[in-house]
PDB file of N, CA and C in Angstrom:
ATOM      1  N   MET A   1     109.498 102.040  74.916  1.00  0.00           N
ATOM      2  CA  MET A   1     109.550 103.489  74.993  1.00  0.00           C
ATOM      3  C   MET A   1     110.079 103.394  76.647  1.00  0.00           C
ATOM      4  N   LEU A   2     111.343 104.505  76.938  1.00  0.00           N
ATOM      5  CA  LEU A   2     111.973 104.479  78.415  1.00  0.00           C
ATOM      6  C   LEU A   2     111.188 105.907  78.595  1.00  0.00           C
ATOM      7  N   ARG A   3     110.805 105.810  80.482  1.00  0.00           N
ATOM      8  CA  ARG A   3     110.422 106.832  80.697  1.00  0.00           C
ATOM      9  C   ARG A   3     111.589 106.940  82.008  1.00  0.00           C
ATOM     10  N   VAL A   4     111.486 108.510  82.755  1.00  0.00           N
ATOM     11  CA  VAL A   4     112.154 108.437  84.024  1.00  0.00           C
ATOM     12  C   VAL A   4     110.943 108.524  85.056  1.00  0.00           C
ATOM     13  N   TYR A   5     110.916 107.725  86.021  1.00  0.00           N
ATOM     14  CA  TYR A   5     110.136 107.944  87.108  1.00  0.00           C
ATOM     15  C   TYR A   5     110.790 108.392  88.333  1.00  0.00           C
ATOM     16  N   LYS A   6     109.872 108.758  89.304  1.00  0.00           N
ATOM     17  CA  LYS A   6     110.686 109.510  90.556  1.00  0.00           C
ATOM     18  C   LYS A   6     109.826 108.656  91.238  1.00  0.00           C
ATOM     19  N   TYR A   7     111.014 107.895  92.446  1.00  0.00           N
ATOM     20  CA  TYR A   7     109.963 107.502  93.620  1.00  0.00           C
ATOM     21  C   TYR A   7     110.364 108.035  95.135  1.00  0.00           C
ATOM     22  N   THR A   8     109.603 108.152  96.065  1.00  0.00           N
ATOM     23  CA  THR A   8     110.349 109.155  97.519  1.00  0.00           C
ATOM     24  C   THR A   8     110.687 107.946  98.167  1.00  0.00           C
ATOM     25  N   ILE A   9     111.387 107.968  98.986  1.00  0.00           N
ATOM     26  CA  ILE A   9     112.305 107.090  99.882  1.00  0.00           C
ATOM     27  C   ILE A   9     112.351 107.392 101.281  1.00  0.00           C
ATOM     28  N   PRO A  10     111.841 106.436 102.102  1.00  0.00           N
ATOM     29  CA  PRO A  10     111.870 106.717 103.367  1.00  0.00           C
ATOM     30  C   PRO A  10     113.487 106.800 103.985  1.00  0.00           C
ATOM     31  N   VAL A  11     113.503 107.668 104.996  1.00  0.00           N
ATOM     32  CA  VAL A  11     114.567 108.468 105.728  1.00  0.00           C
ATOM     33  C   VAL A  11     114.526 106.848 106.676  1.00  0.00           C
ATOM     34  N   LYS A  12     115.060 106.201 106.446  1.00  0.00           N
ATOM     35  CA  LYS A  12     115.268 104.599 107.652  1.00  0.00           C
ATOM     36  C   LYS A  12     116.627 104.508 107.179  1.00  0.00           C
ATOM     37  N   ASP A  13     117.164 103.852 108.253  1.00  0.00           N
ATOM     38  CA  ASP A  13     118.676 103.172 107.749  1.00  0.00           C
ATOM     39  C   ASP A  13     118.554 102.185 106.566  1.00  0.00           C
ATOM     40  N   TYR A  14     117.829 101.061 106.908  1.00  0.00           N
ATOM     41  CA  TYR A  14     117.151 100.022 105.768  1.00  0.00           C
ATOM     42  C   TYR A  14     116.115 100.192 105.429  1.00  0.00           C
ATOM     43  N   PHE A  15     115.597  99.842 103.783  1.00  0.00           N
ATOM     44  CA  PHE A  15     114.436  99.779 103.255  1.00  0.00           C
ATOM     45  C   PHE A  15     114.344  99.105 102.101  1.00  0.00           C
ATOM     46  N   THR A  16     113.373  98.612 101.671  1.00  0.00           N
ATOM     47  CA  THR A  16     113.336  97.493 100.316  1.00  0.00           C
ATOM     48  C   THR A  16     112.214  98.461  99.662  1.00  0.00           C
ATOM     49  N   PHE A  17     112.941  98.523  97.888  1.00  0.00           N
ATOM     50  CA  PHE A  17     111.810  98.665  97.270  1.00  0.00           C
ATOM     51  C   PHE A  17     111.470  97.803  96.301  1.00  0.00           C
ATOM     52  N   GLU A  18     110.324  97.741  95.721  1.00  0.00           N
ATOM     53  CA  GLU A  18     110.047  97.211  94.764  1.00  0.00           C
ATOM     54  C   GLU A  18     109.388  97.627  93.260  1.00  0.00           C
ATOM     55  N   LEU A  19     110.839  97.261  92.395  1.00  0.00           N
ATOM     56  CA  LEU A  19     110.926  98.238  91.136  1.00  0.00           C
ATOM     57  C   LEU A  19     110.851  97.376  89.885  1.00  0.00           C
ATOM     58  N   PRO A  20     110.552  98.003  88.713  1.00  0.00           N
ATOM     59  CA  PRO A  20     110.470  97.303  87.618  1.00  0.00           C
ATOM     60  C   PRO A  20     111.822  96.752  87.122  1.00  0.00           C
ATOM     61  N   ALA A  21     111.732  95.489  86.656  1.00  0.00           N
ATOM     62  CA  ALA A  21     112.681  94.841  86.286  1.00  0.00           C
ATOM     63  C   ALA A  21     113.548  95.729  85.297  1.00  0.00           C
ATOM     64  N   GLY A  22     114.793  95.667  85.059  1.00  0.00           N
ATOM     65  CA  GLY A  22     115.757  96.184  83.988  1.00  0.00           C
ATOM     66  C   GLY A  22     115.800  97.665  84.676  1.00  0.00           C
ATOM     67  N   VAL A  23     115.500  98.071  85.633  1.00  0.00           N
ATOM     68  CA  VAL A  23     115.738  99.732  86.457  1.00  0.00           C
ATOM     69  C   VAL A  23     116.974 100.233  85.993  1.00  0.00           C
ATOM     70  N   GLN A  24     117.163 101.316  85.917  1.00  0.00           N
ATOM     71  CA  GLN A  24     118.508 102.141  86.074  1.00  0.00           C
ATOM     72  C   GLN A  24     118.299 102.906  87.197  1.00  0.00           C
ATOM     73  N   ILE A  25     119.276 102.993  88.038  1.00  0.00           N
ATOM     74  CA  ILE A  25     118.599 104.069  88.935  1.00  0.00           C
ATOM     75  C   ILE A  25     119.748 105.394  88.842  1.00  0.00           C
ATOM     76  N   LEU A  26     119.086 106.338  88.583  1.00  0.00           N
ATOM     77  CA  LEU A  26     120.026 107.666  87.647  1.00  0.00           C
ATOM     78  C   LEU A  26     120.542 108.378  89.113  1.00  0.00           C
ATOM     79  N   THR A  27     119.836 108.875  89.828  1.00  0.00           N
ATOM     80  CA  THR A  27     120.184 109.475  91.023  1.00  0.00           C
ATOM     81  C   THR A  27     119.303 109.367  92.409  1.00  0.00           C
ATOM     82  N   VAL A  28     119.930 109.971  93.491  1.00  0.00           N
ATOM     83  CA  VAL A  28     119.144 110.654  94.552  1.00  0.00           C
ATOM     84  C   VAL A  28     119.049 111.731  94.502  1.00  0.00           C
ATOM     85  N   GLN A  29     118.131 112.755  95.139  1.00  0.00           N
ATOM     86  CA  GLN A  29     118.520 114.059  95.453  1.00  0.00           C
ATOM     87  C   GLN A  29     116.832 114.480  96.872  1.00  0.00           C
ATOM     88  N   ALA A  30     117.186 115.363  97.132  1.00  0.00           N
ATOM     89  CA  ALA A  30     116.243 115.818  97.875  1.00  0.00           C
ATOM     90  C   ALA A  30     115.295 116.722  97.137  1.00  0.00           C
ATOM     91  N   GLN A  31     113.771 116.507  97.213  1.00  0.00           N
ATOM     92  CA  GLN A  31     112.809 117.645  96.415  1.00  0.00           C
ATOM     93  C   GLN A  31     111.953 117.787  97.423  1.00  0.00           C
ATOM     94  N   HIS A  32     111.574 119.423  97.937  1.00  0.00           N
ATOM     95  CA  HIS A  32     110.752 119.815  99.003  1.00  0.00           C
ATOM     96  C   HIS A  32     110.964 119.138  99.830  1.00  0.00           C
ATOM     97  N   ASP A  33     112.454 118.844 100.338  1.00  0.00           N
ATOM     98  CA  ASP A  33     112.878 117.930 101.488  1.00  0.00           C
ATOM     99  C   ASP A  33     112.362 116.827 102.198  1.00  0.00           C
ATOM    100  N   GLU A  34     112.181 116.463 100.939  1.00  0.00           N
ATOM    101  CA  GLU A  34     112.132 114.564 100.888  1.00  0.00           C
ATOM    102  C   GLU A  34     113.032 113.898 100.079  1.00  0.00           C
ATOM    103  N   PRO A  35     113.615 113.330 100.252  1.00  0.00           N
ATOM    104  CA  PRO A  35     114.381 112.183  99.389  1.00  0.00           C
ATOM    105  C   PRO A  35     113.964 111.454  98.567  1.00  0.00           C
ATOM    106  N   GLN A  36     114.166 111.520  96.804  1.00  0.00           N
ATOM    107  CA  GLN A  36     113.549 110.468  96.095  1.00  0.00           C
ATOM    108  C   GLN A  36     114.901 110.253  95.174  1.00  0.00           C
ATOM    109  N   ILE A  37     114.440 108.520  94.463  1.00  0.00           N
ATOM    110  CA  ILE A  37     115.115 108.184  93.712  1.00  0.00           C
ATOM    111  C   ILE A  37     114.440 108.560  92.089  1.00  0.00           C
ATOM    112  N   TRP A  38     115.110 109.095  91.442  1.00  0.00           N
ATOM    113  CA  TRP A  38     114.797 109.247  90.101  1.00  0.00           C
ATOM    114  C   TRP A  38     115.522 107.936  89.069  1.00  0.00           C
ATOM    115  N   ALA A  39     114.968 107.211  88.110  1.00  0.00           N
ATOM    116  CA  ALA A  39     115.067 105.778  87.519  1.00  0.00           C
ATOM    117  C   ALA A  39     114.572 105.813  86.641  1.00  0.00           C
ATOM    118  N   LEU A  40     115.605 105.296  85.182  1.00  0.00           N
ATOM    119  CA  LEU A  40     115.056 105.183  83.876  1.00  0.00           C
ATOM    120  C   LEU A  40     114.241 103.890  84.078  1.00  0.00           C
ATOM    121  N   VAL A  41     113.060 103.325  83.806  1.00  0.00           N
ATOM    122  CA  VAL A  41     112.237 102.180  83.294  1.00  0.00           C
ATOM    123  C   VAL A  41     111.583 102.307  82.114  1.00  0.00           C
ATOM    124  N   ASP A  42     111.221 101.058  82.265  1.00  0.00           N
ATOM    125  CA  ASP A  42     110.378 100.514  80.770  1.00  0.00           C
ATOM    126  C   ASP A  42     108.830 100.483  81.531  1.00  0.00           C
ATOM    127  N   PRO A  43     108.069 101.522  81.025  1.00  0.00           N
ATOM    128  CA  PRO A  43     106.645 101.395  81.623  1.00  0.00           C
ATOM    129  C   PRO A  43     105.685 100.017  81.345  1.00  0.00           C
ATOM    130  N   LYS A  44     106.311  99.899  80.563  1.00  0.00           N
ATOM    131  CA  LYS A  44     105.763  97.877  79.767  1.00  0.00           C
ATOM    132  C   LYS A  44     105.942  97.050  80.681  1.00  0.00           C
ATOM    133  N   GLU A  45     107.094  96.957  81.312  1.00  0.00           N
ATOM    134  CA  GLU A  45     107.745  96.131  81.944  1.00  0.00           C
ATOM    135  C   GLU A  45     106.742  95.782  83.395  1.00  0.00           C
ATOM    136  N   GLN A  46     106.421  94.628  83.269  1.00  0.00           N
ATOM    137  CA  GLN A  46     105.510  93.760  84.564  1.00  0.00           C
ATOM    138  C   GLN A  46     105.907  93.364  85.347  1.00  0.00           C
ATOM    139  N   ASP A  47     107.303  92.725  85.398  1.00  0.00           N
ATOM    140  CA  ASP A  47     108.097  92.029  86.411  1.00  0.00           C
ATOM    141  C   ASP A  47     108.684  93.180  87.268  1.00  0.00           C
ATOM    142  N   THR A  48     108.974  92.570  88.535  1.00  0.00           N
ATOM    143  CA  THR A  48     109.339  93.605  89.480  1.00  0.00           C
ATOM    144  C   THR A  48     110.622  92.701  90.181  1.00  0.00           C
ATOM    145  N   VAL A  49     111.504  93.693  90.974  1.00  0.00           N
ATOM    146  CA  VAL A  49     112.915  93.367  91.258  1.00  0.00           C
ATOM    147  C   VAL A  49     112.712  93.733  92.684  1.00  0.00           C
ATOM    148  N   HIS A  50     113.351  93.262  93.993  1.00  0.00           N
ATOM    149  CA  HIS A  50     113.264  93.759  95.285  1.00  0.00           C
ATOM    150  C   HIS A  50     114.906  94.120  95.303  1.00  0.00           C
ATOM    151  N   PHE A  51     115.083  95.609  95.578  1.00  0.00           N
ATOM    152  CA  PHE A  51     115.904  96.505  95.919  1.00  0.00           C
ATOM    153  C   PHE A  51     116.057  96.371  97.430  1.00  0.00           C
ATOM    154  N   ASN A  52     117.382  96.347  98.397  1.00  0.00           N
ATOM    155  CA  ASN A  52     117.423  96.881  99.339  1.00  0.00           C
ATOM    156  C   ASN A  52     118.314  97.862  99.475  1.00  0.00           C
ATOM    157  N   PHE A  53     118.208  98.843 100.163  1.00  0.00           N
ATOM    158  CA  PHE A  53     119.120 100.239 100.457  1.00  0.00           C
ATOM    159  C   PHE A  53     119.283 100.214 101.713  1.00  0.00           C
ATOM    160  N   ARG A  54     120.344 100.977 101.730  1.00  0.00           N
ATOM    161  CA  ARG A  54     120.915 101.555 103.556  1.00  0.00           C
ATOM    162  C   ARG A  54     121.244 102.893 102.875  1.00  0.00           C
ATOM    163  N   ILE A  55     120.583 103.638 104.157  1.00  0.00           N
ATOM    164  CA  ILE A  55     120.938 105.439 104.302  1.00  0.00           C
ATOM    165  C   ILE A  55     121.610 105.411 105.007  1.00  0.00           C
ATOM    166  N   ALA A  56     123.096 105.852 105.092  1.00  0.00           N
ATOM    167  CA  ALA A  56     123.810 106.372 106.283  1.00  0.00           C
ATOM    168  C   ALA A  56     124.018 107.710 106.256  1.00  0.00           C
ATOM    169  N   GLY A  57     123.964 108.421 107.581  1.00  0.00           N
ATOM    170  CA  GLY A  57     124.237 109.854 107.884  1.00  0.00           C
ATOM    171  C   GLY A  57     125.980 109.909 107.708  1.00  0.00           C
ATOM    172  N   THR A  58     126.137 111.258 107.347  1.00  0.00           N
ATOM    173  CA  THR A  58     127.614 111.484 107.607  1.00  0.00           C
ATOM    174  C   THR A  58     128.152 110.900 109.025  1.00  0.00           C
ATOM    175  N   GLY A  59     129.144 110.024 109.168  1.00  0.00           N
ATOM    176  CA  GLY A  59     129.563 110.136 110.232  1.00  0.00           C
ATOM    177  C   GLY A  59     129.055 108.827 111.183  1.00  0.00           C
ATOM    178  N   HIS A  60     128.087 108.342 110.586  1.00  0.00           N
ATOM    179  CA  HIS A  60     127.471 106.887 111.165  1.00  0.00           C
ATOM    180  C   HIS A  60     128.264 105.912 110.661  1.00  0.00           C
ATOM    181  N   ASP A  61     128.077 104.699 111.747  1.00  0.00           N
ATOM    182  CA  ASP A  61     128.567 103.424 111.389  1.00  0.00           C
ATOM    183  C   ASP A  61     127.832 102.894 110.220  1.00  0.00           C
ATOM    184  N   ILE A  62     128.852 102.039 109.825  1.00  0.00           N
ATOM    185  CA  ILE A  62     128.203 101.188 108.310  1.00  0.00           C
ATOM    186  C   ILE A  62     128.617  99.615 108.838  1.00  0.00           C
ATOM    187  N   LYS A  63     127.781  98.482 109.006  1.00  0.00           N
ATOM    188  CA  LYS A  63     128.337  97.163 109.436  1.00  0.00           C
ATOM    189  C   LYS A  63     128.313  96.603 108.107  1.00  0.00           C
ATOM    190  N   GLU A  64     128.208  97.144 106.815  1.00  0.00           N
ATOM    191  CA  GLU A  64     128.434  95.986 105.604  1.00  0.00           C
ATOM    192  C   GLU A  64     129.959  96.580 105.192  1.00  0.00           C
ATOM    193  N   THR A  65     130.236  95.660 104.265  1.00  0.00           N
ATOM    194  CA  THR A  65     131.888  95.997 103.625  1.00  0.00           C
ATOM    195  C   THR A  65     131.587  96.746 102.417  1.00  0.00           C
ATOM    196  N   LYS A  66     132.264  97.048 101.911  1.00  0.00           N
ATOM    197  CA  LYS A  66     132.455  97.788 100.615  1.00  0.00           C
ATOM    198  C   LYS A  66     132.087  97.220  99.434  1.00  0.00           C
ATOM    199  N   ASP A  67     132.243  95.788  99.617  1.00  0.00           N
ATOM    200  CA  ASP A  67     131.822  95.068  98.635  1.00  0.00           C
ATOM    201  C   ASP A  67     130.006  94.791  98.765  1.00  0.00           C
ATOM    202  N   ASP A  68     129.677  94.841  99.647  1.00  0.00           N
ATOM    203  CA  ASP A  68     128.375  94.752  99.715  1.00  0.00           C
ATOM    204  C   ASP A  68     127.511  95.942  99.610  1.00  0.00           C
ATOM    205  N   LEU A  69     128.061  97.053  98.928  1.00  0.00           N
ATOM    206  CA  LEU A  69     127.321  98.370  98.699  1.00  0.00           C
ATOM    207  C   LEU A  69     127.576  98.870  97.483  1.00  0.00           C
ATOM    208  N   GLU A  70     127.037  99.098  96.773  1.00  0.00           N
ATOM    209  CA  GLU A  70     126.946 100.219  95.396  1.00  0.00           C
ATOM    210  C   GLU A  70     126.443 101.554  95.722  1.00  0.00           C
ATOM    211  N   TYR A  71     127.065 102.480  96.130  1.00  0.00           N
ATOM    212  CA  TYR A  71     126.935 103.829  95.941  1.00  0.00           C
ATOM    213  C   TYR A  71     126.047 104.307  95.084  1.00  0.00           C
ATOM    214  N   ILE A  72     124.774 105.005  95.702  1.00  0.00           N
ATOM    215  CA  ILE A  72     123.777 105.582  94.812  1.00  0.00           C
ATOM    216  C   ILE A  72     124.100 107.116  94.517  1.00  0.00           C
ATOM    217  N   GLY A  73     124.026 107.726  95.753  1.00  0.00           N
ATOM    218  CA  GLY A  73     124.220 109.156  95.619  1.00  0.00           C
ATOM    219  C   GLY A  73     123.964 109.865  97.072  1.00  0.00           C
ATOM    220  N   THR A  74     124.329 111.127  97.248  1.00  0.00           N
ATOM    221  CA  THR A  74     124.271 111.873  98.554  1.00  0.00           C
ATOM    222  C   THR A  74     123.104 113.051  98.505  1.00  0.00           C
ATOM    223  N   PHE A  75     122.419 113.033  99.516  1.00  0.00           N
ATOM    224  CA  PHE A  75     121.162 114.022  99.473  1.00  0.00           C
ATOM    225  C   PHE A  75     121.287 114.828 100.832  1.00  0.00           C
ATOM    226  N   GLN A  76     121.019 116.009 100.726  1.00  0.00           N
ATOM    227  CA  GLN A  76     120.657 116.601 101.885  1.00  0.00           C
ATOM    228  C   GLN A  76     119.433 116.984 102.165  1.00  0.00           C
ATOM    229  N   LEU A  77     119.090 117.371 103.742  1.00  0.00           N
ATOM    230  CA  LEU A  77     117.550 117.696 103.958  1.00  0.00           C
ATOM    231  C   LEU A  77     117.822 118.468 105.407  1.00  0.00           C
ATOM    232  N   ALA A  78     116.926 119.197 105.711  1.00  0.00           N
ATOM    233  CA  ALA A  78     116.657 120.288 106.646  1.00  0.00           C
ATOM    234  C   ALA A  78     117.874 121.495 106.593  1.00  0.00           C
ATOM    235  N   GLY A  79     117.830 121.908 105.479  1.00  0.00           N
ATOM    236  CA  GLY A  79     118.812 122.771 105.036  1.00  0.00           C
ATOM    237  C   GLY A  79     120.302 122.498 105.352  1.00  0.00           C
ATOM    238  N   GLY A  80     120.359 121.080 105.278  1.00  0.00           N
ATOM    239  CA  GLY A  80     122.057 120.614 105.228  1.00  0.00           C
ATOM    240  C   GLY A  80     122.000 120.226 106.905  1.00  0.00           C
ATOM    241  N   SER A  81     120.693 120.114 107.425  1.00  0.00           N
ATOM    242  CA  SER A  81     121.412 119.560 108.550  1.00  0.00           C
ATOM    243  C   SER A  81     121.488 117.919 109.127  1.00  0.00           C
ATOM    244  N   PHE A  82     121.180 117.256 107.969  1.00  0.00           N
ATOM    245  CA  PHE A  82     121.140 115.902 107.735  1.00  0.00           C
ATOM    246  C   PHE A  82     121.734 115.714 106.211  1.00  0.00           C
ATOM    247  N   ILE A  83     122.560 114.779 105.995  1.00  0.00           N
ATOM    248  CA  ILE A  83     123.235 114.445 104.965  1.00  0.00           C
ATOM    249  C   ILE A  83     123.677 113.079 104.811  1.00  0.00           C
ATOM    250  N   GLY A  84     122.645 112.461 104.227  1.00  0.00           N
ATOM    251  CA  GLY A  84     122.337 111.084 103.866  1.00  0.00           C
ATOM    252  C   GLY A  84     123.201 110.578 102.449  1.00  0.00           C
ATOM    253  N   HIS A  85     123.644 109.210 102.760  1.00  0.00           N
ATOM    254  CA  HIS A  85     124.529 108.722 101.804  1.00  0.00           C
ATOM    255  C   HIS A  85     123.830 107.439 101.621  1.00  0.00           C
ATOM    256  N   LEU A  86     122.760 107.371  99.998  1.00  0.00           N
ATOM    257  CA  LEU A  86     122.434 106.309 100.134  1.00  0.00           C
ATOM    258  C   LEU A  86     123.127 105.072  98.972  1.00  0.00           C
ATOM    259  N   PHE A  87     122.996 103.738  99.437  1.00  0.00           N
ATOM    260  CA  PHE A  87     123.783 103.029  98.636  1.00  0.00           C
ATOM    261  C   PHE A  87     122.600 101.512  98.500  1.00  0.00           C
ATOM    262  N   ARG A  88     122.682 100.746  97.528  1.00  0.00           N
ATOM    263  CA  ARG A  88     122.085 100.189  97.043  1.00  0.00           C
ATOM    264  C   ARG A  88     122.895  98.634  97.902  1.00  0.00           C
ATOM    265  N   ILE A  89     121.954  98.003  98.535  1.00  0.00           N
ATOM    266  CA  ILE A  89     122.777  96.275  99.437  1.00  0.00           C
ATOM    267  C   ILE A  89     122.987  95.603  97.941  1.00  0.00           C
ATOM    268  N   ILE A  90     124.169  95.087  97.934  1.00  0.00           N
ATOM    269  CA  ILE A  90     124.059  94.047  96.414  1.00  0.00           C
ATOM    270  C   ILE A  90     124.633  92.660  97.040  1.00  0.00           C
ATOM    271  N   GLY A  91     124.020  91.521  96.851  1.00  0.00           N
ATOM    272  CA  GLY A  91     124.126  90.495  97.012  1.00  0.00           C
ATOM    273  C   GLY A  91     123.267  89.521  98.059  1.00  0.00           C
ATOM    274  N   ARG A  92     122.031  90.318  98.374  1.00  0.00           N
ATOM    275  CA  ARG A  92     121.223  89.704  99.048  1.00  0.00           C
ATOM    276  C   ARG A  92     119.896  89.952  98.793  1.00  0.00           C
TER     277      ARG A  92
END
């Protein structure tokens, strides 16, 4: 049986998360002014996978190529003062 889980993510340019194997990331949004990832997981899955992420603010330089990135979504913090765009870094 599958479940939707929520994971709080850091507001950093780069970070790595260990998530259950077979995870499907559904969205990223802010809840109570903290960015969260919601993901579809199998709670019985014991194996984990490392995911590398990149958050880029609007107008910030991104050194990776489009082929290196998988867009997850966009979120706002501090009443819209910060707009973050979350990407999964693929191929690393």
